[in-house]
Protein backbone atom coordinates (compact mmCIF):
# COMPACT_ATOMS: atom_id res chain seq x y z
CA MET A 1 92.96 -62.42 36.17
CA SER A 2 93.76 -58.60 34.77
CA GLN A 3 96.90 -57.83 32.49
CA PRO A 4 99.59 -54.93 32.97
CA PRO A 5 98.88 -52.71 30.31
CA VAL A 6 101.23 -53.05 27.43
CA ARG A 7 103.73 -50.06 27.58
CA THR A 8 104.66 -50.64 31.07
CA LEU A 9 105.78 -54.17 29.62
CA VAL A 10 107.49 -52.45 26.75
CA ASP A 11 110.78 -52.22 28.99
CA PRO A 12 111.12 -55.28 30.61
CA LEU A 13 110.33 -57.22 27.31
CA ARG A 14 113.25 -54.89 25.65
CA LYS A 15 116.02 -55.99 28.55
CA LEU A 16 115.12 -59.31 28.70
CA LEU A 17 115.51 -59.57 25.02
CA ARG A 18 119.29 -57.79 25.40
CA ARG A 19 119.92 -59.85 27.96
CA GLY A 20 119.34 -63.28 25.75
CA ALA A 21 117.31 -64.13 28.45
CA ARG A 22 114.93 -66.21 26.43
CA ALA A 23 113.52 -68.28 28.24
CA HIS A 24 111.81 -65.83 30.23
CA ALA A 25 111.05 -63.24 27.47
CA SER A 26 109.77 -66.95 26.30
CA ASN A 27 107.39 -67.26 29.69
CA MET A 28 106.53 -63.53 29.75
CA LEU A 29 104.89 -63.64 25.79
CA SER A 30 102.62 -66.75 26.46
CA LYS A 31 100.30 -64.83 28.90
CA LEU A 32 99.56 -61.83 27.28
CA HIS A 33 96.78 -61.73 23.98
CA PRO A 34 99.27 -62.21 20.29
CA ALA A 35 97.09 -58.23 20.15
CA ASP A 36 99.07 -57.41 22.80
CA VAL A 37 101.71 -58.89 21.63
CA ALA A 38 100.78 -57.03 18.45
CA ARG A 39 101.54 -54.07 19.95
CA LEU A 40 104.89 -54.56 21.86
CA MET A 41 106.08 -55.05 18.13
CA HIS A 42 105.54 -51.71 17.42
CA HIS A 43 107.73 -50.48 20.65
CA LEU A 44 110.95 -53.01 19.99
CA ASN A 45 113.67 -52.73 16.81
CA GLU A 46 113.99 -54.51 13.88
CA GLU A 47 116.26 -57.65 15.73
CA GLN A 48 113.24 -57.88 18.96
CA ARG A 49 110.96 -58.26 16.20
CA SER A 50 112.46 -60.72 13.98
CA GLU A 51 113.56 -62.84 17.70
CA VAL A 52 110.32 -62.67 19.54
CA PHE A 53 108.40 -63.75 16.82
CA SER A 54 110.79 -66.73 16.08
CA MET A 55 109.85 -67.02 20.01
CA MET A 56 106.52 -66.77 18.89
CA LEU A 57 106.66 -69.75 16.31
CA GLN A 58 108.83 -72.21 18.22
CA GLU A 59 105.93 -71.78 20.90
CA ASP A 60 102.75 -72.72 19.05
CA ALA A 61 102.47 -71.16 15.18
CA SER A 62 98.79 -70.59 15.92
CA ARG A 63 99.42 -67.87 18.23
CA ALA A 64 102.11 -66.23 16.12
CA ALA A 65 99.56 -66.43 13.09
CA ASP A 66 97.40 -64.25 15.38
CA MET A 67 99.83 -62.27 16.22
CA ILE A 68 100.94 -61.37 12.75
CA SER A 69 97.00 -60.68 12.20
CA GLU A 70 97.01 -57.84 14.14
CA LEU A 71 100.18 -55.99 12.54
CA GLY A 72 99.99 -54.35 9.40
CA THR A 73 100.94 -55.71 6.10
CA ASP A 74 103.94 -54.26 5.51
CA GLN A 75 105.47 -55.14 8.79
CA ALA A 76 103.47 -58.95 8.65
CA VAL A 77 106.07 -59.39 5.24
CA GLU A 78 108.86 -58.07 7.08
CA LEU A 79 108.85 -60.03 9.57
CA PHE A 80 108.34 -63.65 6.91
CA GLU A 81 111.43 -62.33 5.72
CA THR A 82 112.91 -64.21 8.93
CA ILE A 83 112.60 -67.02 8.41
CA SER A 84 111.62 -69.73 5.88
CA ASP A 85 108.94 -71.16 3.56
CA LEU A 86 107.73 -73.21 5.04
CA GLN A 87 107.74 -71.48 8.43
CA ILE A 88 105.61 -68.92 6.42
CA ALA A 89 103.11 -71.53 4.59
CA ALA A 90 102.33 -72.76 8.13
CA VAL A 91 101.61 -69.65 9.80
CA MET A 92 99.67 -68.49 6.44
CA ALA A 93 97.63 -72.10 7.17
CA GLU A 94 96.70 -70.99 10.46
CA LEU A 95 95.98 -67.77 9.31
CA SER A 96 92.08 -67.20 8.04
CA SER A 97 91.66 -67.16 3.95
CA ASP A 98 90.63 -63.57 3.83
CA ASP A 99 93.94 -62.37 6.76
CA ALA A 100 95.95 -64.53 3.91
CA ALA A 101 94.81 -63.59 0.93
CA ASN A 102 95.54 -59.86 2.42
CA LEU A 103 99.56 -60.60 3.02
CA ILE A 104 99.96 -62.68 -0.04
CA PRO A 105 99.54 -59.60 -2.39
CA ALA A 106 101.38 -58.09 -0.45
CA MET A 107 105.19 -60.46 -0.41
CA PRO A 108 107.50 -60.28 -3.52
CA GLU A 109 105.86 -62.68 -5.93
CA GLU A 110 108.13 -65.26 -6.26
CA LEU A 111 107.72 -65.25 -2.62
CA SER A 112 104.10 -65.44 -2.80
CA GLU A 113 104.72 -68.14 -5.78
CA ARG A 114 106.47 -71.05 -3.32
CA ILE A 115 104.34 -70.29 -0.68
CA LEU A 116 101.39 -70.67 -2.09
CA GLY A 117 102.81 -74.11 -3.71
CA LEU A 118 104.01 -75.01 -0.31
CA MET A 119 99.83 -74.70 1.02
CA GLU A 120 97.99 -78.02 0.82
CA GLU A 121 95.81 -77.15 -2.46
CA SER A 122 92.49 -77.12 -0.75
CA GLU A 123 94.60 -73.59 1.39
CA SER A 124 96.08 -72.24 -1.66
CA ALA A 125 92.59 -72.32 -4.05
CA SER A 126 90.75 -70.61 -1.12
CA ILE A 127 92.88 -68.29 -1.11
CA GLU A 128 93.32 -67.92 -4.83
CA GLY A 129 89.69 -66.97 -4.87
CA LEU A 130 89.56 -65.07 -2.90
CA LEU A 131 92.48 -62.75 -5.04
CA THR A 132 90.10 -63.03 -7.92
CA TYR A 133 88.18 -60.11 -6.70
CA GLU A 134 89.03 -57.09 -7.32
CA GLU A 135 90.44 -55.09 -3.34
CA GLU A 136 88.42 -53.56 -1.16
CA THR A 137 85.44 -55.59 -1.62
CA ALA A 138 83.57 -57.84 -0.03
CA GLY A 139 84.64 -60.52 -2.59
CA ARG A 140 88.00 -59.58 -1.36
CA ILE A 141 87.95 -59.83 2.56
CA MET A 142 84.97 -61.78 2.67
CA ASN A 143 86.01 -65.52 4.62
CA PRO A 144 85.03 -68.23 1.83
CA ASP A 145 84.41 -71.01 5.08
CA VAL A 146 80.13 -70.46 5.45
CA PHE A 147 78.48 -73.01 7.31
CA ALA A 148 75.21 -73.47 5.48
CA LEU A 149 72.23 -76.38 4.89
CA GLU A 150 69.40 -76.99 3.23
CA GLU A 151 66.13 -75.19 3.52
CA HIS A 152 64.18 -78.21 4.00
CA VAL A 153 66.65 -79.85 6.46
CA PRO A 154 64.97 -80.37 9.88
CA VAL A 155 65.79 -78.70 12.85
CA SER A 156 67.14 -81.45 15.36
CA GLU A 157 69.53 -82.57 12.51
CA ALA A 158 70.76 -78.79 12.16
CA ILE A 159 71.66 -78.78 15.56
CA ALA A 160 73.67 -81.90 15.24
CA ALA A 161 75.64 -80.87 11.86
CA LEU A 162 76.62 -77.80 13.98
CA ARG A 163 77.61 -80.27 16.56
CA THR A 164 79.69 -82.24 14.74
CA SER A 165 81.37 -79.10 12.18
CA ARG A 166 84.69 -78.52 12.21
CA SER A 167 85.45 -75.52 13.96
CA GLU A 168 87.06 -73.60 10.85
CA ASP A 169 83.80 -73.80 9.23
CA LEU A 170 81.67 -71.97 12.34
CA GLU A 171 82.99 -68.70 11.99
CA MET A 172 79.82 -66.56 13.19
CA VAL A 173 78.07 -69.51 14.83
CA PHE A 174 74.67 -66.97 16.17
CA TYR A 175 74.02 -66.86 12.22
CA LEU A 176 72.76 -69.83 10.32
CA TYR A 177 72.44 -69.83 6.63
CA VAL A 178 69.73 -71.67 5.02
CA VAL A 179 69.97 -71.99 0.94
CA ASP A 180 68.03 -74.01 -1.96
CA ASP A 181 69.08 -77.14 -3.41
CA ARG A 182 71.12 -74.77 -5.51
CA GLY A 183 73.12 -72.84 -3.14
CA HIS A 184 71.38 -69.91 -3.48
CA LEU A 185 70.87 -68.19 -0.66
CA VAL A 186 67.60 -68.15 0.99
CA GLY A 187 67.46 -67.52 4.82
CA VAL A 188 69.18 -67.26 7.90
CA CYS A 189 68.58 -68.27 11.11
CA SER A 190 69.53 -67.70 14.07
CA LEU A 191 71.40 -69.56 16.98
CA ARG A 192 68.60 -68.88 19.59
CA ASP A 193 65.99 -68.73 16.93
CA LEU A 194 67.05 -72.50 15.92
CA LEU A 195 67.20 -74.10 19.51
CA LEU A 196 63.67 -72.98 20.77
CA ALA A 197 62.04 -73.88 18.23
CA ASP A 198 60.54 -77.58 17.03
CA PRO A 199 63.17 -80.20 16.37
CA SER A 200 60.69 -81.36 13.34
CA CYS A 201 59.91 -78.22 12.01
CA GLU A 202 62.23 -77.73 8.73
CA LEU A 203 64.99 -74.49 8.55
CA THR A 204 62.19 -73.39 5.96
CA GLU A 205 59.46 -73.31 8.20
CA VAL A 206 61.60 -71.14 10.81
CA MET A 207 63.83 -68.77 9.00
CA ASN A 208 63.96 -64.85 8.04
CA ASN A 209 63.48 -65.22 4.36
CA HIS A 210 64.07 -61.69 4.13
CA THR A 211 68.13 -61.76 4.42
CA THR A 212 70.13 -57.98 3.95
CA SER A 213 73.70 -59.57 1.98
CA VAL A 214 75.92 -58.40 -0.68
CA ASN A 215 77.70 -58.78 -3.62
CA THR A 216 80.49 -59.75 -3.70
CA GLY A 217 81.95 -56.55 -6.14
CA THR A 218 80.60 -54.18 -2.67
CA ASP A 219 82.71 -51.84 -2.26
CA GLN A 220 83.66 -52.49 1.32
CA GLU A 221 82.83 -48.90 2.91
CA GLU A 222 79.01 -50.03 1.96
CA VAL A 223 79.61 -53.42 3.56
CA ALA A 224 80.72 -51.32 7.13
CA ARG A 225 78.00 -48.79 7.11
CA LEU A 226 75.45 -52.00 6.24
CA VAL A 227 76.64 -53.83 10.08
CA ALA A 228 77.38 -50.19 11.18
CA ARG A 229 73.30 -49.59 10.15
CA TYR A 230 71.27 -53.20 11.12
CA ASP A 231 73.91 -53.69 14.47
CA PHE A 232 74.75 -57.50 11.84
CA LEU A 233 77.70 -60.00 13.96
CA ALA A 234 78.00 -61.08 10.05
CA LEU A 235 76.74 -60.36 6.85
CA PRO A 236 76.65 -63.02 3.78
CA VAL A 237 78.03 -62.68 0.61
CA VAL A 238 76.45 -63.35 -2.50
CA ASP A 239 77.57 -64.32 -6.15
CA ASN A 240 76.15 -62.24 -8.71
CA GLU A 241 73.91 -65.34 -9.13
CA ASN A 242 72.70 -64.61 -5.19
CA LYS A 243 75.02 -68.58 -4.88
CA LEU A 244 76.00 -67.77 -0.93
CA VAL A 245 79.94 -67.61 -1.44
CA GLY A 246 81.39 -66.81 1.67
CA ILE A 247 81.36 -64.15 4.53
CA ILE A 248 82.07 -61.21 6.59
CA THR A 249 82.14 -60.25 10.85
CA VAL A 250 81.87 -57.61 12.85
CA ASP A 251 85.75 -58.16 13.83
CA ASP A 252 86.50 -57.39 9.94
CA ILE A 253 84.58 -54.68 9.94
CA ILE A 254 86.22 -53.20 12.47
CA ASP A 255 89.51 -53.27 11.20
CA ILE A 256 87.97 -52.19 7.83
CA ILE A 257 86.26 -49.01 9.55
CA ARG A 258 88.60 -48.79 11.37
CA GLU A 259 91.55 -48.13 8.14
CA GLU A 260 89.39 -46.15 6.21
CA GLU A 261 89.03 -43.76 9.17
CA THR A 262 92.77 -43.71 9.43
CA GLU A 263 92.99 -43.27 5.53
CA ASP A 264 91.40 -40.28 5.75
CA ILE A 265 92.39 -38.96 8.57
CA LEU A 266 96.22 -39.19 6.76
CA LEU A 267 94.51 -38.29 2.75
CA MET A 268 93.36 -34.97 4.91
CA ALA A 269 96.78 -34.01 6.30
CA GLY A 270 98.67 -34.34 3.19
CA LEU A 271 99.81 -37.82 3.61
CA GLY A 272 99.11 -39.79 1.35
CA GLU A 273 96.99 -43.40 1.99
CA GLY A 274 98.43 -46.53 3.64
CA ASP A 275 97.85 -47.25 7.58
CA GLU A 276 99.02 -45.25 10.49
CA GLU A 277 102.26 -47.19 10.87
CA GLU A 278 103.59 -47.37 7.89
CA VAL A 279 103.34 -43.55 8.30
CA LEU A 280 105.10 -43.22 11.36
CA ARG A 281 108.06 -45.72 10.13
CA ALA A 282 108.13 -43.59 7.02
CA PRO A 283 111.68 -42.00 6.21
CA ILE A 284 111.76 -38.54 7.21
CA TRP A 285 111.99 -37.61 3.68
CA LYS A 286 109.31 -40.01 2.34
CA ASN A 287 106.86 -37.84 5.23
CA ALA A 288 108.22 -34.13 3.56
CA LEU A 289 107.61 -35.83 0.20
CA LEU A 290 104.32 -36.86 0.70
CA ARG A 291 103.12 -33.11 2.73
CA LEU A 292 104.62 -31.16 -0.09
CA PRO A 293 102.23 -30.46 -3.07
CA TRP A 294 99.94 -29.50 -0.15
CA LEU A 295 102.26 -27.31 1.93
CA PHE A 296 103.15 -25.77 -2.23
CA ALA A 297 99.01 -25.15 -2.98
CA ALA A 298 99.19 -23.13 0.49
CA TRP A 299 102.11 -21.56 -0.42
CA ILE A 300 100.60 -20.45 -3.88
CA GLY A 301 97.33 -19.29 -1.54
CA GLY A 302 99.96 -17.17 0.57
CA ILE A 303 101.42 -15.39 -2.68
CA ILE A 304 98.47 -14.55 -3.90
CA ALA A 305 96.99 -13.11 -0.11
CA ILE A 306 100.23 -10.49 -0.53
CA GLN A 307 99.13 -9.34 -4.30
CA VAL A 308 96.30 -9.08 -2.60
CA ILE A 309 97.62 -6.97 0.08
CA SER A 310 100.64 -4.82 -1.53
CA HIS A 311 97.34 -3.86 -4.54
CA TYR A 312 95.84 -1.86 -0.90
CA GLU A 313 99.16 -0.31 0.06
CA GLY A 314 97.70 2.39 -0.08
CA LEU A 315 94.69 2.03 2.00
CA LEU A 316 96.89 0.88 4.86
CA THR A 317 98.86 3.40 4.62
CA GLN A 318 95.83 6.06 4.91
CA VAL A 319 94.35 3.98 7.76
CA ALA A 320 97.69 1.42 9.25
CA ALA A 321 94.89 0.19 12.49
CA VAL A 322 93.14 -1.46 9.38
CA ALA A 323 96.42 -4.39 9.45
CA ALA A 324 95.81 -5.62 12.57
CA PHE A 325 92.60 -7.16 11.71
CA ILE A 326 93.72 -8.97 8.76
CA PRO A 327 94.69 -12.35 11.40
CA ILE A 328 91.86 -12.14 12.90
CA VAL A 329 88.93 -12.13 9.75
CA ILE A 330 91.38 -14.56 7.63
CA GLY A 331 91.36 -16.94 10.95
CA MET A 332 87.83 -16.97 11.60
CA GLY A 333 87.06 -17.54 7.58
CA GLY A 334 89.35 -20.28 8.32
CA ASN A 335 87.74 -21.71 10.67
CA VAL A 336 84.71 -21.81 10.07
CA GLY A 337 85.02 -23.00 5.91
CA THR A 338 87.24 -26.45 7.51
CA GLN A 339 84.19 -26.97 10.40
CA SER A 340 82.05 -26.98 7.29
CA ALA A 341 84.47 -28.98 4.65
CA THR A 342 84.81 -31.51 7.79
CA ILE A 343 81.52 -32.44 8.69
CA VAL A 344 80.83 -32.56 4.87
CA VAL A 345 83.66 -34.73 4.04
CA ARG A 346 82.50 -37.24 7.23
CA GLY A 347 78.89 -37.36 5.95
CA LEU A 348 79.47 -38.49 2.69
CA ALA A 349 82.67 -41.21 3.44
CA THR A 350 79.94 -42.56 5.73
CA GLY A 351 77.20 -42.03 3.69
CA SER A 352 75.22 -40.35 6.00
CA ILE A 353 75.14 -37.13 3.57
CA THR A 354 74.50 -38.75 0.15
CA PRO A 355 74.62 -37.26 -3.45
CA GLY A 356 71.09 -36.33 -4.02
CA GLN A 357 71.18 -35.06 0.17
CA ALA A 358 74.95 -33.02 -0.18
CA TRP A 359 73.96 -28.96 -1.71
CA ARG A 360 70.50 -29.64 1.10
CA VAL A 361 73.28 -30.00 3.82
CA ALA A 362 75.87 -27.17 2.15
CA VAL A 363 72.65 -24.32 2.37
CA ARG A 364 72.53 -25.64 5.84
CA GLU A 365 75.67 -25.06 6.47
CA VAL A 366 75.87 -21.75 5.08
CA ARG A 367 73.37 -20.90 6.83
CA VAL A 368 75.11 -21.69 10.40
CA GLY A 369 77.76 -19.17 8.36
CA VAL A 370 75.18 -17.00 8.23
CA LEU A 371 74.02 -17.20 11.67
CA LEU A 372 78.11 -16.99 13.39
CA GLY A 373 79.22 -14.20 11.29
CA ILE A 374 76.92 -11.58 12.35
CA VAL A 375 77.44 -12.86 16.06
CA PHE A 376 81.13 -12.50 15.86
CA GLY A 377 81.01 -9.46 13.30
CA ILE A 378 78.84 -7.78 16.41
CA LEU A 379 80.36 -8.60 18.76
CA LEU A 380 84.29 -7.63 16.89
CA ALA A 381 82.22 -4.08 15.67
CA ILE A 382 81.74 -3.18 19.47
CA ALA A 383 84.89 -4.19 20.11
CA THR A 384 87.06 -2.56 18.33
CA PRO A 385 86.64 1.25 19.29
CA PHE A 386 88.20 -0.35 22.30
CA LEU A 387 91.03 -2.15 20.78
CA ILE A 388 92.53 0.87 18.67
CA ASP A 389 91.92 4.36 18.54
CA THR A 390 91.34 5.43 15.51
CA ASP A 391 88.89 8.42 13.35
CA ALA A 392 87.77 5.79 10.72
CA PRO A 393 85.19 3.73 10.32
CA LEU A 394 86.63 0.67 11.66
CA GLY A 395 84.20 -1.67 14.16
CA LEU A 396 81.49 -1.48 10.27
CA ILE A 397 84.42 -2.64 8.21
CA VAL A 398 86.13 -5.48 10.72
CA GLY A 399 81.89 -6.46 10.99
CA LEU A 400 81.12 -6.11 7.88
CA SER A 401 84.29 -8.29 6.89
CA ILE A 402 83.29 -10.97 9.57
CA ILE A 403 79.84 -11.65 8.33
CA THR A 404 80.83 -11.41 4.26
CA THR A 405 84.33 -14.30 5.14
CA MET A 406 82.36 -16.55 7.58
CA THR A 407 79.52 -17.28 4.58
CA LEU A 408 82.26 -17.46 2.55
CA ALA A 409 84.15 -19.76 4.08
CA ALA A 410 81.20 -21.14 5.22
CA THR A 411 80.15 -21.94 1.33
CA VAL A 412 83.44 -22.62 0.54
CA GLY A 413 83.95 -25.36 2.67
CA THR A 414 80.80 -27.31 1.70
CA SER A 415 80.78 -26.97 -1.75
CA MET A 416 84.39 -28.03 -2.21
CA PRO A 417 84.01 -31.81 -1.24
CA ILE A 418 80.55 -32.01 -3.35
CA LEU A 419 82.31 -31.01 -6.23
CA LEU A 420 85.64 -32.75 -6.04
CA ARG A 421 83.44 -35.74 -5.26
CA ARG A 422 81.57 -35.05 -8.33
CA PHE A 423 85.16 -34.11 -11.26
CA GLY A 424 85.78 -37.66 -9.63
CA VAL A 425 88.20 -36.45 -6.77
CA ASP A 426 88.87 -37.64 -3.40
CA PRO A 427 87.58 -35.54 -1.15
CA ALA A 428 89.15 -36.59 2.04
CA ILE A 429 92.76 -35.33 0.47
CA ALA A 430 91.81 -32.59 -0.98
CA THR A 431 89.27 -30.27 0.96
CA GLY A 432 91.46 -29.08 3.49
CA PRO A 433 94.33 -28.10 0.85
CA MET A 434 91.94 -25.89 -1.47
CA VAL A 435 89.62 -24.39 1.61
CA THR A 436 93.03 -23.62 3.21
CA THR A 437 93.55 -21.42 0.44
CA SER A 438 91.09 -20.54 -1.13
CA MET A 439 89.67 -18.64 2.20
CA ASP A 440 93.07 -16.90 2.05
CA VAL A 441 92.80 -15.63 -0.99
CA LEU A 442 88.68 -14.33 -0.69
CA GLY A 443 89.09 -13.32 3.47
CA VAL A 444 92.46 -11.07 1.91
CA LEU A 445 89.95 -10.38 -1.26
CA ALA A 446 87.36 -9.74 1.39
CA TYR A 447 88.38 -7.61 3.67
CA PHE A 448 89.88 -5.39 2.10
CA PHE A 449 87.20 -4.68 -0.51
CA ILE A 450 84.81 -3.72 2.21
CA ALA A 451 87.08 -1.84 3.74
CA SER A 452 88.28 0.49 0.70
CA SER A 453 84.28 0.98 -0.06
CA LEU A 454 83.12 2.00 3.20
CA LEU A 455 86.25 4.86 3.58
CA ALA A 456 86.13 5.76 -0.01
CA VAL A 457 82.10 6.41 0.51
CA LEU A 458 82.11 7.59 4.06
CA SER A 459 85.35 10.18 3.79
C-alpha cells in the first residue's frame, strides 16, 4: 500500500499536535517510515519536533534511532537536548557504530562523556575506536561490525555460520569476506557463489582473491568514487597491515555523495561548509556574513571595471553607441567562464579529471570558447547595423570583442580552478567569484581596447 506524499501530512500532523491529540499523532507516525518522519521534522517548529521525537521514543527506541540517523547532525543533537541521558544512551545503542560516531563529536564534551559511560562497554569501545580516525576518512565512516571467516572454512560451515549469526554482524550479507589466520583480508565471496558452490569446498577455492579495498585513512570522496565506478554494494576497509577492520556499505556512500555535492554547491554559492538544512535554518545575519567576502570581491571587480570605463570616457563621447554593447560583451564572457569553470571544478571533485589531465581539458575548453566566440561574434557583427545606426565600424568592433572575451573567459574559467587547487585552495569555494570578477574587468578592458584601437586605425 503506497503512502501519501510527506508534504500532504505536514498540516494534519501540526493540527493534531496543536490540539494535543497525541494518540492520533502517534498512530499517524507509526504508519510512516522513519525516513519520512525525518522529512516531516524539517517542517515543524522546535516544540513540535521535540513532541514527535518523544512519541517515537515511547513507541520504539529503534525507530527513533532510525529517524535520528536520517536527520542532520545539528538537528539530531538539538533533539537530544530534550531527553534524559539514559534515553540518549538507549537511542545511541540502537544506532550503527558509524552513525553514533558521527553524533558524538557534535555533542557538548561533558554530555558525550556521560553518554559513552552509560553505554555497554563493547558499544562505547566500538564508537571510540572510530573516533580515533580522522574525519571524512574511511576509518571514521566504516562499520566495524563486519562478518568474516577464515579461508580454510568449508562452504557448508560458512553457510551455517551465516544462518546463526546475529543480525547486527551481517551489515552486508551479499558479500562474505575471507581472511587468513592473522585477520588479513585475502578474498571475497558473493552470497550467490557461496550457495552454488560444492559444500565440501573450502572458501579459498570459491572466493575472488582480487579484492578491492580501502585503507582506514582513505578520503571518503575517494571511497565514493570507487563504489560508483565499480558498482559495489560494499567496500572492505583494512588497516596499514591489510587486516580487515570494517566495511562501508552503499547506503553510507549515497549519504557521502549527497553531502559532498551539497557542500560543493554551498561553497560555490559562498555559504561555507555545512548541510542544506543548517543553511536554511541559519539566522539571516549569519547567511549574509558568509556571503559578504565573496560579494565584496565582486564589488571590487565592479569598481575596477568602472575605472576602466572612466579611462575610456573620451571614446564613449566620440562613439556613444559603444556603451550599448557593454552588457552583452561582459555577459557572454561571464557565462562561458562560469560554464568552463563548472566543468573543471566538477571533474576535479568527482575524480573524472585528474591533475595530470586538467591542462588537457583546459586546452579543449579554450578551443570550445574560441569556436563559440567566432559563432556569436559573427552573428553580433551581422546584427549590429540593424540594431544601431552609426557610421563607426561597430559591427567589426563588437564581433572581435565577443571572440576575444569568450576566449579569455574559457581560459580563465578552466585555468582558475586548476591553479587554485595547486595552491591548496578549494576550487569549489573560490572559482566562481574569481572568474566572475576577472571577467568583469577583462571583458570591459578587452572591449574598449579593441574599440579604441580599431577606431584609431580606421578613422
